[in-house]
């Protein structure tokens, strides 16, 4: 995720915790959360492929 989008995501998460989100911001947060989830899934899939192919993968 690009640094600007990541910063916006963190900002919206903080506003959400304080219950200060507008309707548009809530939609933005949902979209950013979906993008972050997709990124994590792609990374996990890439790590699993590397491991399956015999590459050493550091433990997290």
N, C-alpha and C. Protein backbone atom coordinates (compact mmCIF):
# COMPACT_ATOMS: atom_id res chain seq x y z
N UNK A 1 0.85 -1.16 0.00
CA UNK A 1 0.00 0.00 0.00
C UNK A 1 0.90 1.24 0.00
N UNK A 2 0.55 2.20 -0.80
CA UNK A 2 1.35 3.42 -0.89
C UNK A 2 1.34 4.15 0.46
N UNK A 3 2.42 4.89 0.76
CA UNK A 3 2.49 5.57 2.05
C UNK A 3 1.32 6.52 2.32
N UNK A 4 0.86 7.24 1.31
CA UNK A 4 -0.27 8.15 1.49
C UNK A 4 -1.55 7.42 1.85
N UNK A 5 -1.79 6.31 1.18
CA UNK A 5 -2.99 5.52 1.49
C UNK A 5 -2.89 4.89 2.87
N UNK A 6 -1.68 4.45 3.23
CA UNK A 6 -1.49 3.87 4.56
C UNK A 6 -1.76 4.92 5.64
N UNK A 7 -1.23 6.12 5.45
CA UNK A 7 -1.46 7.19 6.42
C UNK A 7 -2.94 7.52 6.54
N UNK A 8 -3.64 7.56 5.41
CA UNK A 8 -5.09 7.82 5.43
C UNK A 8 -5.82 6.71 6.17
N UNK A 9 -5.41 5.48 5.95
CA UNK A 9 -6.02 4.33 6.62
C UNK A 9 -5.85 4.46 8.13
N UNK A 10 -4.65 4.77 8.57
CA UNK A 10 -4.38 4.93 10.01
C UNK A 10 -5.21 6.08 10.58
N UNK A 11 -5.29 7.18 9.84
CA UNK A 11 -6.08 8.33 10.29
C UNK A 11 -7.55 7.94 10.47
N UNK A 12 -8.09 7.23 9.48
CA UNK A 12 -9.50 6.83 9.56
C UNK A 12 -9.73 5.81 10.67
N UNK A 13 -8.77 4.93 10.90
CA UNK A 13 -8.90 3.98 12.01
C UNK A 13 -8.96 4.71 13.35
N UNK A 14 -8.14 5.73 13.50
CA UNK A 14 -8.16 6.51 14.75
C UNK A 14 -9.49 7.24 14.92
N UNK A 15 -9.98 7.83 13.82
CA UNK A 15 -11.27 8.52 13.90
C UNK A 15 -12.39 7.54 14.20
N UNK A 16 -12.28 6.33 13.66
CA UNK A 16 -13.29 5.31 13.91
C UNK A 16 -13.31 4.91 15.38
N UNK A 17 -12.14 4.78 15.98
CA UNK A 17 -12.06 4.45 17.41
C UNK A 17 -12.72 5.52 18.26
N UNK A 18 -12.60 6.78 17.82
CA UNK A 18 -13.20 7.89 18.56
C UNK A 18 -14.65 8.12 18.15
N UNK A 19 -15.17 7.29 17.24
CA UNK A 19 -16.54 7.40 16.73
C UNK A 19 -16.80 8.77 16.10
N UNK A 20 -15.85 9.21 15.25
CA UNK A 20 -15.94 10.52 14.61
C UNK A 20 -15.97 10.44 13.09
N UNK A 21 -16.31 9.30 12.52
CA UNK A 21 -16.30 9.14 11.07
C UNK A 21 -17.60 9.65 10.45
N UNK A 22 -17.46 10.32 9.31
CA UNK A 22 -18.64 10.68 8.52
C UNK A 22 -18.98 9.49 7.62
N UNK A 23 -20.09 9.58 6.92
CA UNK A 23 -20.49 8.48 6.04
C UNK A 23 -19.48 8.22 4.93
N UNK A 24 -18.97 9.29 4.33
CA UNK A 24 -17.97 9.14 3.27
C UNK A 24 -16.67 8.57 3.78
N UNK A 25 -16.28 8.99 4.97
CA UNK A 25 -15.05 8.46 5.56
C UNK A 25 -15.20 6.98 5.89
N UNK A 26 -16.39 6.60 6.32
CA UNK A 26 -16.63 5.18 6.63
C UNK A 26 -16.48 4.33 5.36
N UNK A 27 -16.99 4.85 4.24
CA UNK A 27 -16.84 4.13 2.96
C UNK A 27 -15.37 4.05 2.56
N UNK A 28 -14.64 5.15 2.76
CA UNK A 28 -13.20 5.14 2.46
C UNK A 28 -12.48 4.11 3.31
N UNK A 29 -12.85 4.04 4.59
CA UNK A 29 -12.22 3.08 5.50
C UNK A 29 -12.48 1.65 5.05
N UNK A 30 -13.69 1.37 4.63
CA UNK A 30 -14.02 0.02 4.15
C UNK A 30 -13.17 -0.32 2.93
N UNK A 31 -13.05 0.61 2.00
CA UNK A 31 -12.24 0.37 0.81
C UNK A 31 -10.77 0.16 1.13
N UNK A 32 -10.25 0.98 2.03
CA UNK A 32 -8.84 0.83 2.41
C UNK A 32 -8.60 -0.46 3.18
N UNK A 33 -9.56 -0.84 4.00
CA UNK A 33 -9.42 -2.11 4.74
C UNK A 33 -9.41 -3.29 3.77
N UNK A 34 -10.27 -3.24 2.76
CA UNK A 34 -10.29 -4.32 1.76
C UNK A 34 -8.98 -4.37 1.00
N UNK A 35 -8.43 -3.21 0.65
CA UNK A 35 -7.15 -3.17 -0.06
C UNK A 35 -6.03 -3.73 0.81
N UNK A 36 -6.03 -3.39 2.10
CA UNK A 36 -5.02 -3.92 3.01
C UNK A 36 -5.15 -5.43 3.17
N UNK A 37 -6.39 -5.91 3.25
CA UNK A 37 -6.61 -7.36 3.36
C UNK A 37 -6.12 -8.09 2.12
N UNK A 38 -6.40 -7.53 0.94
CA UNK A 38 -5.95 -8.16 -0.30
C UNK A 38 -4.42 -8.19 -0.37
N UNK A 39 -3.78 -7.12 0.08
CA UNK A 39 -2.32 -7.08 0.09
C UNK A 39 -1.76 -8.16 1.01
N UNK A 40 -2.34 -8.31 2.19
CA UNK A 40 -1.87 -9.35 3.12
C UNK A 40 -2.06 -10.74 2.52
N UNK A 41 -3.17 -10.98 1.85
CA UNK A 41 -3.40 -12.28 1.24
C UNK A 41 -2.39 -12.56 0.14
N UNK A 42 -2.09 -11.55 -0.69
CA UNK A 42 -1.09 -11.73 -1.76
C UNK A 42 0.28 -12.03 -1.17
N UNK A 43 0.64 -11.33 -0.10
CA UNK A 43 1.93 -11.58 0.53
C UNK A 43 2.00 -12.97 1.14
N UNK A 44 0.93 -13.38 1.80
CA UNK A 44 0.91 -14.72 2.41
C UNK A 44 1.00 -15.79 1.33
N UNK A 45 0.31 -15.59 0.22
CA UNK A 45 0.36 -16.55 -0.88
C UNK A 45 1.78 -16.62 -1.46
N UNK A 46 2.42 -15.47 -1.62
CA UNK A 46 3.79 -15.45 -2.15
C UNK A 46 4.74 -16.18 -1.21
N UNK A 47 4.61 -15.95 0.10
CA UNK A 47 5.45 -16.65 1.07
C UNK A 47 5.22 -18.15 1.01
N UNK A 48 3.96 -18.55 0.90
CA UNK A 48 3.68 -19.99 0.86
C UNK A 48 4.23 -20.63 -0.41
N UNK A 49 4.17 -19.92 -1.54
CA UNK A 49 4.76 -20.44 -2.77
C UNK A 49 6.28 -20.60 -2.63
N UNK A 50 6.91 -19.61 -2.05
CA UNK A 50 8.36 -19.70 -1.86
C UNK A 50 8.71 -20.90 -0.99
N UNK A 51 7.97 -21.07 0.08
CA UNK A 51 8.24 -22.20 0.98
C UNK A 51 7.99 -23.53 0.26
N UNK A 52 6.92 -23.62 -0.50
CA UNK A 52 6.59 -24.84 -1.23
C UNK A 52 7.68 -25.17 -2.25
N UNK A 53 8.30 -24.13 -2.80
CA UNK A 53 9.37 -24.33 -3.79
C UNK A 53 10.73 -24.57 -3.14
N UNK A 54 10.76 -24.69 -1.83
CA UNK A 54 11.99 -25.04 -1.14
C UNK A 54 12.83 -23.86 -0.67
N UNK A 55 12.32 -22.67 -0.80
CA UNK A 55 13.06 -21.50 -0.33
C UNK A 55 12.94 -21.38 1.18
N UNK A 56 13.96 -20.85 1.79
CA UNK A 56 13.89 -20.60 3.23
C UNK A 56 13.07 -19.34 3.45
N UNK A 57 12.10 -19.46 4.31
CA UNK A 57 11.23 -18.33 4.62
C UNK A 57 11.39 -18.04 6.11
N UNK A 58 11.72 -16.79 6.45
CA UNK A 58 11.89 -16.48 7.87
C UNK A 58 10.57 -16.61 8.63
N UNK A 59 10.66 -17.04 9.87
CA UNK A 59 9.45 -17.13 10.68
C UNK A 59 9.08 -15.74 11.15
N UNK A 60 7.81 -15.54 11.31
CA UNK A 60 7.34 -14.21 11.73
C UNK A 60 7.15 -14.18 13.17
